[in-house]
């Protein structure tokens, strides 16, 4: 290994260690809160007893469709996880360090979807400006609401393109393979990940691409005021693809979920 690359590797390792320590809330301070939206994503299904239960990208959902395993990673890093089942406001966002909106509902998914409105955009943008960390995870075309979602994203220089990049047929996982550059700022401990049927992104200032593939923007970060916005066109790190059961071991989505949790907490003021 050349000396310069050795220094880069060491610096990347140090950053990863620092991100873990930041998340631990040193000195007995209050843990950072990671708030997951349950308002714009508000789906229910019947359980075995016939009761309607919330599911799909929630902390409590232990099935393939849930975020329970990602929540475990945030808590292992010293953070607190919580949810927001109502519209975002200045008051209810004040407790959050990280706010995640994922897979906003369409009428196909929810009878009466809660679309992102002007008041929501105002509350969220002001919160980010003051130092909040916003995560926007969309989905592929036909499986997420984009019109209102993009009205929020556009405030940060980000636009979801409503396409379906990297279609994967059955278990042909190589069709969803992405190679992660060495010393990647978001995923420093990962070499290869799996994403499928992604909405690609278009970015302009203040946003910038942090992960490209053949000229397509896959992940983008925007620095807005004192805060940070991360956008990815897929829910991506839900249980199905980080439980270690479905994907071959060469796809390091479980480690990616840890790296991303640590990076987000590090950005939080």
Protein backbone atom coordinates (compact mmCIF):
# COMPACT_ATOMS: atom_id res chain seq x y z
CA UNK A 1 0.00 0.00 0.00
CA UNK A 2 1.39 3.42 -0.95
CA UNK A 3 2.01 5.82 1.96
CA UNK A 4 -0.60 8.33 0.78
CA UNK A 5 -3.30 5.68 0.49
CA UNK A 6 -2.26 4.38 3.89
CA UNK A 7 -2.85 7.82 5.38
CA UNK A 8 -6.24 8.05 3.71
CA UNK A 9 -7.22 4.66 5.07
CA UNK A 10 -6.10 5.64 8.56
CA UNK A 11 -8.02 8.90 8.36
CA UNK A 12 -11.16 7.05 7.25
CA UNK A 13 -10.81 4.63 10.15
CA UNK A 14 -10.35 7.50 12.59
CA UNK A 15 -13.46 9.22 11.25
CA UNK A 16 -15.48 6.05 11.72
CA UNK A 17 -14.24 5.77 15.33
CA UNK A 18 -15.04 9.41 15.97
CA UNK A 19 -18.55 9.03 14.58
CA UNK A 20 -19.23 6.26 17.08
CA UNK A 21 -17.91 8.34 19.99
CA UNK A 22 -20.00 11.37 18.99
CA UNK A 23 -23.12 9.23 18.99
CA UNK A 24 -22.46 8.02 22.52
CA UNK A 25 -23.49 11.36 24.08
CA UNK A 26 -20.32 11.79 26.15
CA UNK A 27 -20.29 13.47 29.55
CA UNK A 28 -23.74 12.23 30.49
CA UNK A 29 -25.57 14.59 28.11
CA UNK A 30 -29.00 13.74 26.77
CA UNK A 31 -28.93 11.18 23.93
CA UNK A 32 -29.72 12.39 20.45
CA UNK A 33 -33.23 11.53 19.24
CA UNK A 34 -33.81 9.94 15.84
CA UNK A 35 -37.41 10.69 14.89
CA UNK A 36 -39.10 8.53 12.25
CA UNK A 37 -42.12 9.92 10.42
CA UNK A 38 -45.36 7.95 10.81
CA UNK A 39 -47.58 10.63 9.25
CA UNK A 40 -46.61 10.85 5.58
CA UNK A 41 -45.90 7.10 5.71
CA UNK A 42 -49.01 5.75 7.47
CA UNK A 43 -49.75 2.19 6.37
CA UNK A 44 -51.74 -0.51 8.15
CA UNK A 45 -52.51 -4.18 7.62
CA UNK A 46 -54.41 -6.91 9.46
CA UNK A 47 -52.46 -9.10 11.84
CA UNK A 48 -53.15 -12.78 12.57
CA UNK A 49 -55.98 -11.77 14.92
CA UNK A 50 -57.62 -9.53 12.37
CA UNK A 51 -56.53 -6.32 14.07
CA UNK A 52 -55.24 -3.41 12.02
CA UNK A 53 -51.60 -2.73 12.87
CA UNK A 54 -49.13 -0.19 11.57
CA UNK A 55 -46.33 -1.58 9.41
CA UNK A 56 -43.87 -0.73 6.62
CA UNK A 57 -40.68 1.16 7.49
CA UNK A 58 -41.41 1.52 11.20
CA UNK A 59 -39.17 0.97 14.22
CA UNK A 60 -41.59 -1.62 15.65
CA UNK A 61 -41.99 -3.75 12.50
CA UNK A 62 -39.71 -6.82 12.88
CA UNK A 63 -40.72 -8.31 9.51
CA UNK A 64 -38.84 -7.82 6.25
CA UNK A 65 -40.72 -4.55 5.73
CA UNK A 66 -39.58 -2.92 8.97
CA UNK A 67 -36.82 -0.62 10.19
CA UNK A 68 -36.41 -2.41 13.53
CA UNK A 69 -32.83 -3.47 12.78
CA UNK A 70 -31.78 0.02 11.71
CA UNK A 71 -33.33 1.32 14.92
CA UNK A 72 -31.16 -1.10 16.88
CA UNK A 73 -28.07 0.42 15.29
CA UNK A 74 -29.03 3.95 16.30
CA UNK A 75 -29.68 2.82 19.86
CA UNK A 76 -26.41 0.88 19.98
CA UNK A 77 -24.67 4.14 19.04
CA UNK A 78 -26.22 5.85 22.06
CA UNK A 79 -29.21 7.51 20.42
CA UNK A 80 -32.91 7.33 21.26
CA UNK A 81 -35.46 6.33 18.61
CA UNK A 82 -38.94 7.82 18.51
CA UNK A 83 -41.75 8.31 15.99
CA UNK A 84 -43.96 11.18 14.86
CA UNK A 85 -47.54 10.14 13.97
CA UNK A 86 -48.72 13.73 13.35
CA UNK A 87 -47.67 16.54 11.03
CA UNK A 88 -44.27 18.06 11.79
CA UNK A 89 -44.25 21.38 13.65
CA UNK A 90 -41.63 23.62 15.19
CA UNK A 91 -42.58 22.24 18.59
CA UNK A 92 -42.53 18.49 17.89
CA UNK A 93 -39.37 18.67 15.77
CA UNK A 94 -37.51 20.54 18.52
CA UNK A 95 -36.78 17.28 20.34
CA UNK A 96 -35.24 15.61 17.28
CA UNK A 97 -31.62 15.56 16.14
CA UNK A 98 -32.42 13.42 13.08
CA UNK A 99 -35.80 13.30 11.31
CA UNK A 100 -36.43 10.55 8.75
CA UNK A 101 -39.22 10.65 6.14
CA UNK A 102 -39.49 7.47 4.10
CA UNK A 103 -41.75 6.29 1.27
CA UNK A 104 -44.48 8.93 1.44
CA UNK A 105 -47.89 7.34 0.83
CA UNK A 106 -49.88 7.19 -2.36
CA UNK A 107 -53.62 6.49 -2.54
CA UNK A 108 -52.73 2.92 -3.47
CA UNK A 109 -51.11 2.47 -0.05
CA UNK A 110 -53.38 4.56 2.17
CA UNK A 111 -57.01 5.55 1.66
CA UNK A 112 -56.39 9.12 2.78
CA UNK A 113 -52.68 9.90 2.41
CA UNK A 114 -51.17 12.83 4.26
CA UNK A 115 -49.34 14.80 1.61
CA UNK A 116 -46.52 17.18 2.50
CA UNK A 117 -48.02 20.68 2.64
CA UNK A 118 -46.66 24.22 2.74
CA UNK A 119 -46.86 24.39 6.55
CA UNK A 120 -44.92 21.11 6.79
CA UNK A 121 -42.23 22.42 4.46
CA UNK A 122 -41.88 25.60 6.47
CA UNK A 123 -41.53 23.72 9.76
CA UNK A 124 -39.01 21.23 8.35
CA UNK A 125 -36.84 23.74 6.49
CA UNK A 126 -36.63 26.02 9.54
CA UNK A 127 -35.70 23.04 11.71
CA UNK A 128 -32.95 21.99 9.28
CA UNK A 129 -31.69 25.56 9.06
CA UNK A 130 -31.22 25.56 12.83
CA UNK A 131 -29.11 22.39 12.73
CA UNK A 132 -31.48 19.46 12.18
CA UNK A 133 -30.52 16.44 10.10
CA UNK A 134 -33.23 15.43 7.61
CA UNK A 135 -33.24 12.07 5.81
CA UNK A 136 -35.47 11.71 2.75
CA UNK A 137 -35.82 8.13 1.49
CA UNK A 138 -38.12 7.75 -1.51
CA UNK A 139 -38.89 4.67 -3.60
CA UNK A 140 -39.14 3.77 -7.24
CA UNK A 141 -41.72 5.19 -9.61
CA UNK A 142 -45.20 3.88 -8.79
CA UNK A 143 -44.37 3.01 -5.18
CA UNK A 144 -44.08 6.45 -3.58
CA UNK A 145 -45.63 9.90 -3.72
CA UNK A 146 -43.33 12.33 -5.51
CA UNK A 147 -45.16 15.58 -6.27
CA UNK A 148 -45.32 16.84 -2.69
CA UNK A 149 -42.19 14.97 -1.60
CA UNK A 150 -40.22 16.86 -4.26
CA UNK A 151 -41.67 20.19 -3.14
CA UNK A 152 -39.80 19.63 0.12
CA UNK A 153 -36.67 18.15 -1.49
CA UNK A 154 -36.41 21.01 -3.99
CA UNK A 155 -35.93 23.46 -1.12
CA UNK A 156 -32.55 21.81 -0.55
CA UNK A 157 -31.50 21.57 -4.21
CA UNK A 158 -32.60 17.94 -4.59
CA UNK A 159 -35.11 16.41 -7.00
CA UNK A 160 -36.25 12.77 -7.15
CA UNK A 161 -36.50 11.72 -10.81
CA UNK A 162 -39.34 9.18 -10.42
CA UNK A 163 -37.49 6.47 -12.36
CA UNK A 164 -36.56 2.84 -11.58
CA UNK A 165 -32.81 2.49 -11.85
CA UNK A 166 -31.16 -0.93 -11.40
CA UNK A 167 -34.10 -3.26 -11.92
CA UNK A 168 -33.47 -6.62 -10.26
CA UNK A 169 -35.18 -9.77 -11.48
CA UNK A 170 -35.83 -12.45 -8.86
CA UNK A 171 -32.57 -13.30 -7.07
CA UNK A 172 -30.17 -11.88 -9.66
CA UNK A 173 -28.58 -9.72 -6.99
CA UNK A 174 -25.70 -8.66 -9.21
CA UNK A 175 -28.20 -6.42 -11.01
CA UNK A 176 -28.42 -4.32 -7.86
CA UNK A 177 -24.71 -4.28 -7.03
CA UNK A 178 -22.91 -1.00 -6.33
CA UNK A 179 -19.20 -0.70 -5.58
CA UNK A 180 -18.46 1.82 -2.82
CA UNK A 181 -15.33 3.95 -3.35
CA UNK A 182 -12.61 3.56 -0.73
CA UNK A 183 -12.82 5.94 2.24
CA UNK A 184 -16.37 6.92 1.36
CA UNK A 185 -17.52 9.65 3.80
CA UNK A 186 -20.89 8.01 4.53
CA UNK A 187 -19.89 4.35 4.21
CA UNK A 188 -16.23 4.13 5.29
CA UNK A 189 -16.34 0.44 6.23
CA UNK A 190 -18.19 -0.86 3.17
CA UNK A 191 -16.99 -2.03 -0.24
CA UNK A 192 -20.13 -3.33 -1.93
CA UNK A 193 -23.84 -2.71 -1.37
CA UNK A 194 -27.16 -3.73 -2.86
CA UNK A 195 -29.89 -1.32 -3.93
CA UNK A 196 -32.65 -1.99 -6.41
CA UNK A 197 -35.23 -0.04 -8.39
CA UNK A 198 -34.07 3.36 -7.21
CA UNK A 199 -35.32 6.81 -7.99
CA UNK A 200 -32.20 8.64 -9.14
CA UNK A 201 -31.62 12.26 -8.17
CA UNK A 202 -30.96 15.59 -9.84
CA UNK A 203 -29.00 18.05 -7.70
CA UNK A 204 -28.12 21.72 -7.71
CA UNK A 205 -26.60 24.01 -5.10
CA UNK A 206 -26.50 23.69 -2.16
CA UNK A 207 -26.83 19.93 -2.77
CA UNK A 208 -24.10 17.70 -4.11
CA UNK A 209 -23.82 14.08 -5.10
CA UNK A 210 -22.05 11.79 -2.63
CA UNK A 211 -22.59 8.58 -4.60
CA UNK A 212 -22.77 8.25 -8.40
CA UNK A 213 -23.20 5.31 -10.75
CA UNK A 214 -22.65 5.71 -14.49
CA UNK A 215 -23.51 9.39 -14.28
CA UNK A 216 -26.61 8.78 -12.17
CA UNK A 217 -26.84 10.42 -8.75
CA UNK A 218 -27.78 7.76 -6.18
CA UNK A 219 -27.19 9.64 -2.92
CA UNK A 220 -27.06 13.38 -2.29
CA UNK A 221 -26.24 15.62 0.66
CA UNK A 222 -27.27 19.22 1.09
CA UNK A 223 -25.89 21.61 3.69
CA UNK A 224 -28.70 24.02 4.52
CA UNK A 225 -28.05 26.65 7.16
CA UNK A 226 -26.59 24.81 10.13
CA UNK A 227 -28.25 21.53 9.14
CA UNK A 228 -27.84 18.62 6.74
CA UNK A 229 -30.14 16.77 4.34
CA UNK A 230 -29.47 13.27 3.01
CA UNK A 231 -31.54 11.97 0.08
CA UNK A 232 -31.64 8.43 -1.33
CA UNK A 233 -34.23 7.18 -3.81
CA UNK A 234 -35.03 3.97 -1.94
CA UNK A 235 -35.84 2.88 1.64
CA UNK A 236 -32.85 0.57 1.12
CA UNK A 237 -31.76 -0.43 4.64
CA UNK A 238 -34.92 -2.08 5.85
CA UNK A 239 -34.81 -5.46 7.55
CA UNK A 240 -35.07 -7.58 4.42
CA UNK A 241 -31.68 -6.42 3.18
CA UNK A 242 -29.74 -6.04 6.42
CA UNK A 243 -30.73 -9.19 8.33
CA UNK A 244 -27.97 -11.25 6.69
CA UNK A 245 -30.40 -13.91 5.49
CA UNK A 246 -31.38 -12.92 1.97
CA UNK A 247 -28.37 -11.22 0.44
CA UNK A 248 -25.06 -13.03 -0.23
CA UNK A 249 -22.37 -11.96 2.25
CA UNK A 250 -20.51 -9.94 -0.39
CA UNK A 251 -23.23 -7.28 -0.08
CA UNK A 252 -22.40 -5.34 3.04
CA UNK A 253 -25.79 -3.73 3.68
CA UNK A 254 -25.69 -4.65 7.41
CA UNK A 255 -22.46 -2.68 7.86
CA UNK A 256 -23.83 0.09 5.64
CA UNK A 257 -26.77 0.49 8.02
CA UNK A 258 -24.32 0.91 10.91
CA UNK A 259 -22.10 3.33 9.01
CA UNK A 260 -25.05 5.44 7.93
CA UNK A 261 -26.49 5.60 11.45
CA UNK A 262 -23.12 6.76 12.78
CA UNK A 263 -22.69 9.35 10.02
CA UNK A 264 -26.16 10.81 10.62
CA UNK A 265 -25.58 11.11 14.35
CA UNK A 266 -22.24 12.75 13.74
CA UNK A 267 -23.91 15.45 11.60
CA UNK A 268 -26.44 16.20 14.33
CA UNK A 269 -25.67 19.24 16.45
